[in-house]
N, C-alpha and C. Protein backbone atom coordinates (compact mmCIF):
# COMPACT_ATOMS: atom_id res chain seq x y z
N MET A 1 10.60 -30.37 -9.23
CA MET A 1 11.74 -30.68 -9.17
C MET A 1 12.67 -29.77 -8.59
N THR A 2 13.65 -29.17 -7.72
CA THR A 2 13.60 -28.32 -6.82
C THR A 2 15.01 -27.67 -7.50
N ASP A 3 15.50 -26.81 -7.13
CA ASP A 3 16.98 -25.96 -8.01
C ASP A 3 17.99 -26.54 -7.32
N ALA A 4 17.85 -27.62 -6.15
CA ALA A 4 19.00 -28.55 -5.55
C ALA A 4 19.57 -29.54 -6.76
N THR A 5 17.86 -30.13 -6.82
CA THR A 5 18.02 -31.58 -7.78
C THR A 5 18.78 -30.93 -9.52
N MET A 6 18.28 -29.58 -10.23
CA MET A 6 18.46 -29.48 -11.19
C MET A 6 20.16 -29.18 -11.68
N PHE A 7 20.58 -28.49 -10.26
CA PHE A 7 21.74 -27.76 -10.98
C PHE A 7 22.59 -28.58 -9.17
N PRO A 8 23.71 -28.63 -9.58
CA PRO A 8 24.92 -29.22 -8.71
C PRO A 8 25.31 -27.93 -7.42
N GLU A 9 25.87 -28.51 -6.65
CA GLU A 9 26.46 -27.32 -5.64
C GLU A 9 27.37 -26.58 -5.96
N ALA A 10 28.26 -26.78 -6.84
CA ALA A 10 29.77 -26.17 -7.12
C ALA A 10 28.86 -25.34 -8.12
N VAL A 11 27.94 -25.10 -9.31
CA VAL A 11 26.89 -24.36 -9.92
C VAL A 11 26.52 -23.19 -8.47
N PHE A 12 26.06 -23.41 -7.68
CA PHE A 12 25.60 -22.17 -6.57
C PHE A 12 26.90 -21.63 -5.40
N THR A 13 27.98 -22.42 -5.70
CA THR A 13 29.60 -22.27 -5.00
C THR A 13 30.04 -20.61 -5.82
N ILE A 14 30.04 -21.12 -7.37
CA ILE A 14 30.75 -20.47 -8.26
C ILE A 14 29.57 -19.37 -8.06
N TRP A 15 28.48 -19.09 -8.36
CA TRP A 15 27.69 -18.19 -8.34
C TRP A 15 28.03 -17.09 -6.68
N ARG A 16 27.96 -17.70 -5.79
CA ARG A 16 28.22 -17.05 -4.55
C ARG A 16 29.67 -16.76 -4.33
N ILE A 17 30.86 -16.96 -5.18
CA ILE A 17 31.80 -16.21 -5.03
C ILE A 17 31.76 -14.98 -6.21
N ALA A 18 31.28 -15.26 -7.11
CA ALA A 18 30.84 -14.28 -8.06
C ALA A 18 30.01 -13.06 -7.54
N LEU A 19 29.16 -13.69 -6.78
CA LEU A 19 27.86 -11.80 -6.29
C LEU A 19 29.16 -11.15 -5.28
N ILE A 20 29.74 -11.52 -4.71
CA ILE A 20 30.90 -12.14 -3.79
C ILE A 20 31.61 -10.79 -4.03
N VAL A 21 32.46 -11.29 -5.48
CA VAL A 21 33.62 -10.54 -5.82
C VAL A 21 33.30 -9.85 -6.54
N THR A 22 31.77 -9.38 -6.91
CA THR A 22 30.97 -8.00 -7.77
C THR A 22 30.72 -7.38 -6.91
N PHE A 23 30.25 -7.68 -5.52
CA PHE A 23 30.18 -6.49 -4.16
C PHE A 23 31.32 -5.84 -3.55
N VAL A 24 32.10 -6.81 -3.97
CA VAL A 24 33.25 -6.07 -3.27
C VAL A 24 34.71 -5.55 -3.95
N LEU A 25 34.31 -5.73 -5.32
CA LEU A 25 35.45 -5.67 -6.24
C LEU A 25 35.01 -4.77 -7.45
N PHE A 26 34.15 -5.18 -8.05
CA PHE A 26 33.74 -4.63 -8.86
C PHE A 26 32.62 -3.35 -8.84
N ILE A 27 31.78 -3.01 -8.04
CA ILE A 27 31.23 -1.97 -7.74
C ILE A 27 31.27 -0.96 -6.62
N PRO A 28 32.36 -0.94 -5.81
CA PRO A 28 33.33 -0.03 -5.24
C PRO A 28 34.48 0.43 -6.28
N LEU A 29 34.92 -0.37 -7.13
CA LEU A 29 35.32 0.39 -8.48
C LEU A 29 34.55 0.99 -9.04
N SER A 30 33.58 0.71 -9.43
CA SER A 30 32.72 1.52 -10.32
C SER A 30 32.46 2.77 -9.51
N VAL A 31 31.98 2.92 -8.25
CA VAL A 31 31.72 3.92 -7.96
C VAL A 31 33.03 4.92 -7.95
N TYR A 32 34.33 4.17 -7.84
CA TYR A 32 35.37 5.21 -7.93
C TYR A 32 35.40 5.92 -8.80
N LEU A 33 35.51 5.02 -9.89
CA LEU A 33 35.75 5.83 -11.48
C LEU A 33 34.40 6.27 -11.88
N LEU A 34 33.53 6.29 -11.11
CA LEU A 34 31.76 7.40 -11.52
C LEU A 34 32.95 8.61 -11.01
N HIS A 35 33.34 8.63 -9.57
CA HIS A 35 33.40 9.72 -9.06
C HIS A 35 34.68 10.30 -9.76
N ARG A 36 35.59 9.84 -9.72
CA ARG A 36 36.96 10.12 -10.67
C ARG A 36 36.04 11.14 -12.22
N THR A 37 35.21 10.51 -12.38
CA THR A 37 34.63 11.23 -13.87
C THR A 37 34.18 12.35 -13.27
N TRP A 38 33.05 12.41 -12.81
CA TRP A 38 32.45 13.42 -11.69
C TRP A 38 33.17 14.63 -11.87
N VAL A 39 34.59 14.17 -11.18
CA VAL A 39 35.75 15.41 -10.80
C VAL A 39 35.55 15.68 -12.09
N ALA A 40 35.98 14.68 -12.39
CA ALA A 40 36.68 15.72 -14.33
C ALA A 40 35.53 16.46 -15.07
N ALA A 41 35.02 15.57 -14.70
CA ALA A 41 33.72 17.12 -15.53
C ALA A 41 33.82 17.77 -14.89
N ARG A 42 33.53 18.40 -13.78
CA ARG A 42 33.15 20.06 -12.77
C ARG A 42 34.66 20.26 -13.29
N GLY A 43 36.19 19.93 -13.60
CA GLY A 43 36.85 20.70 -13.96
C GLY A 43 37.09 21.17 -15.27
N ILE A 44 36.23 20.83 -15.55
CA ILE A 44 36.09 20.96 -17.65
C ILE A 44 35.32 21.82 -17.42
N GLN A 45 34.28 21.78 -16.92
CA GLN A 45 33.34 22.60 -16.27
C GLN A 45 33.89 23.85 -16.03
N GLN A 46 34.46 24.21 -15.50
CA GLN A 46 34.95 25.50 -14.69
C GLN A 46 36.39 25.91 -15.47
N TYR A 47 37.20 24.79 -16.05
CA TYR A 47 37.56 25.44 -17.41
C TYR A 47 36.98 26.28 -18.34
N ALA A 48 36.01 25.87 -19.02
CA ALA A 48 35.08 26.50 -20.08
C ALA A 48 34.76 27.64 -18.96
N ALA A 49 33.83 27.82 -17.85
CA ALA A 49 33.40 29.01 -17.77
C ALA A 49 34.40 29.92 -17.57
N ASP A 50 35.82 29.54 -17.20
CA ASP A 50 37.23 30.38 -17.71
C ASP A 50 37.30 31.41 -18.55
N SER A 51 37.31 30.09 -19.71
CA SER A 51 37.51 30.37 -21.50
C SER A 51 36.43 31.10 -21.52
N LEU A 52 35.24 31.04 -21.20
CA LEU A 52 34.28 32.25 -21.38
C LEU A 52 34.31 33.55 -21.05
N ALA A 53 34.78 33.19 -19.69
CA ALA A 53 35.30 34.68 -19.22
C ALA A 53 36.29 35.80 -20.20
N ALA A 54 37.02 34.78 -20.36
CA ALA A 54 38.46 35.07 -21.08
C ALA A 54 38.12 35.56 -22.53
N ALA A 55 37.01 34.75 -23.33
CA ALA A 55 36.69 35.41 -24.51
C ALA A 55 35.94 36.45 -24.22
N ALA A 56 35.43 36.31 -23.47
CA ALA A 56 34.64 37.94 -23.51
C ALA A 56 35.28 39.01 -23.11
N GLY A 57 35.99 38.93 -22.43
CA GLY A 57 37.12 40.41 -21.93
C GLY A 57 37.91 40.00 -23.70
N ILE A 58 38.04 39.41 -24.56
CA ILE A 58 38.44 39.28 -25.80
C ILE A 58 37.98 40.36 -26.90
N ALA A 59 36.25 39.69 -26.34
CA ALA A 59 35.89 40.72 -27.41
C ALA A 59 35.14 41.62 -27.22
N GLY A 60 35.92 41.79 -26.10
CA GLY A 60 35.71 43.64 -25.35
C GLY A 60 36.71 44.40 -26.04
N GLY A 61 37.67 43.64 -25.78
CA GLY A 61 38.60 44.69 -26.34
C GLY A 61 38.95 44.46 -27.37
N THR A 62 38.22 43.96 -28.30
CA THR A 62 38.58 44.30 -29.54
C THR A 62 37.23 44.90 -30.31
N GLN A 63 36.51 45.03 -30.21
CA GLN A 63 35.12 45.55 -30.31
C GLN A 63 35.33 47.11 -31.09
N HIS A 64 36.26 47.33 -30.56
CA HIS A 64 37.04 48.98 -30.78
C HIS A 64 37.83 48.87 -32.58
N ILE A 65 38.08 47.48 -32.88
CA ILE A 65 39.19 47.79 -34.13
C ILE A 65 38.60 49.17 -35.55
N PRO A 66 37.01 48.09 -35.53
CA PRO A 66 36.61 48.84 -36.64
C PRO A 66 36.89 50.41 -36.49
N ALA A 67 36.42 51.10 -35.38
CA ALA A 67 36.39 52.51 -35.20
C ALA A 67 37.98 52.91 -35.32
N LEU A 68 38.94 51.88 -34.72
CA LEU A 68 40.44 52.51 -35.13
C LEU A 68 40.45 52.76 -36.73
N ASP A 69 40.25 51.55 -37.59
CA ASP A 69 39.87 51.28 -38.90
C ASP A 69 40.10 53.12 -39.11
N ALA A 70 38.47 53.28 -38.68
CA ALA A 70 37.98 54.27 -39.71
C ALA A 70 38.46 55.75 -39.00
N THR A 71 39.54 56.19 -37.53
CA THR A 71 39.84 56.65 -37.10
C THR A 71 41.45 57.27 -38.30
N ILE A 72 41.86 55.63 -38.38
CA ILE A 72 43.50 56.23 -39.24
C ILE A 72 42.61 56.30 -40.27
N SER A 73 41.92 56.13 -41.34
CA SER A 73 41.64 56.57 -42.65
C SER A 73 41.63 58.17 -42.60
N VAL A 74 40.24 58.40 -41.80
CA VAL A 74 39.84 60.09 -41.34
C VAL A 74 41.23 60.96 -41.23
N ALA A 75 42.54 59.91 -40.46
CA ALA A 75 43.77 61.01 -40.06
C ALA A 75 44.62 60.93 -41.21
N GLY A 76 44.39 60.14 -42.05
CA GLY A 76 45.13 59.52 -43.48
C GLY A 76 44.37 61.07 -44.38
N GLU A 77 43.27 61.34 -44.54
CA GLU A 77 42.90 62.43 -44.86
C GLU A 77 43.07 64.07 -44.55
N ILE A 78 43.08 63.95 -42.98
CA ILE A 78 43.45 65.09 -42.29
C ILE A 78 44.74 65.49 -42.69
N LEU A 79 45.62 64.53 -42.67
CA LEU A 79 47.58 64.48 -43.10
C LEU A 79 47.55 64.76 -44.47
N ALA A 80 46.83 64.61 -45.50
CA ALA A 80 46.52 65.03 -46.78
C ALA A 80 46.27 66.70 -47.18
N ASN A 81 45.18 66.75 -46.47
CA ASN A 81 44.32 68.47 -46.29
C ASN A 81 45.75 69.20 -45.44
N ALA A 82 46.24 68.68 -44.48
CA ALA A 82 47.45 69.72 -43.43
C ALA A 82 48.83 69.56 -44.81
N GLY A 83 48.72 68.73 -45.26
CA GLY A 83 49.78 68.93 -46.25
C GLY A 83 49.44 70.09 -47.30
N GLU A 84 48.39 69.84 -48.04
CA GLU A 84 47.91 71.50 -49.10
C GLU A 84 47.77 72.42 -48.31
N VAL A 85 47.34 72.59 -46.69
CA VAL A 85 47.50 74.02 -46.18
C VAL A 85 48.52 74.64 -45.85
N ALA A 86 49.58 73.20 -45.84
CA ALA A 86 51.25 73.69 -45.57
C ALA A 86 51.65 74.11 -46.84
N ALA A 87 51.35 73.60 -47.72
CA ALA A 87 51.97 74.58 -49.00
C ALA A 87 51.16 75.69 -49.18
N LYS A 88 49.88 75.86 -49.33
CA LYS A 88 49.31 77.30 -49.22
C LYS A 88 50.11 78.28 -48.73
N LEU A 89 50.24 77.42 -47.08
CA LEU A 89 50.84 78.79 -45.94
C LEU A 89 52.36 79.10 -46.77
N GLY A 90 52.60 78.12 -47.33
CA GLY A 90 54.21 78.47 -47.51
C GLY A 90 54.11 79.64 -48.43
N THR A 91 53.49 79.59 -49.20
CA THR A 91 53.35 80.71 -50.35
C THR A 91 52.67 81.91 -49.85
N VAL A 92 51.51 81.77 -49.00
CA VAL A 92 51.79 83.13 -48.46
C VAL A 92 52.81 83.70 -47.73
N ALA A 93 53.76 82.49 -47.01
CA ALA A 93 54.92 83.44 -46.24
C ALA A 93 55.73 83.79 -46.94
N ASP A 94 55.34 83.76 -48.30
CA ASP A 94 56.70 83.84 -49.53
C ASP A 94 56.23 85.30 -50.51
N VAL A 95 54.69 85.30 -50.41
CA VAL A 95 54.72 86.60 -51.22
C VAL A 95 54.20 87.46 -50.03
N VAL A 96 54.23 87.60 -48.55
CA VAL A 96 54.67 88.61 -47.60
C VAL A 96 55.68 88.77 -47.46
N GLU A 97 56.70 87.38 -47.56
CA GLU A 97 58.16 88.09 -47.48
C GLU A 97 58.80 88.53 -48.62
N GLU A 98 58.35 88.92 -49.63
CA GLU A 98 58.60 89.28 -51.10
C GLU A 98 58.35 91.04 -50.88
N ARG A 99 56.78 91.21 -50.86
CA ARG A 99 56.23 92.28 -50.16
C ARG A 99 56.97 93.24 -49.24
N ALA A 100 57.57 92.59 -47.56
CA ALA A 100 58.20 93.34 -46.94
C ALA A 100 59.30 93.84 -47.49
N GLY A 101 60.58 93.09 -48.46
CA GLY A 101 61.46 92.86 -48.28
C GLY A 101 61.88 93.61 -49.52
């Protein structure tokens, strides 16, 4: 038995039409959509690289915050000691003024 006797000619005609539609419509559409997907992926990759550079800049700018906290606590101690020194100098100034006067 040959293919011609097993299947009517309408089956082969429908098959040929389906192949033509596939090659003319679906394959170019698939290539177009894949290209758009590739372009979008490249854009996402570029945005990710930009975000990484920005994150590195932020990390570089905030790495000194613990040192600033330590500076603030030391400055608080210095201010407290300066107040004590000012009080003692005030006492010395009072004593010197009494003796001079």
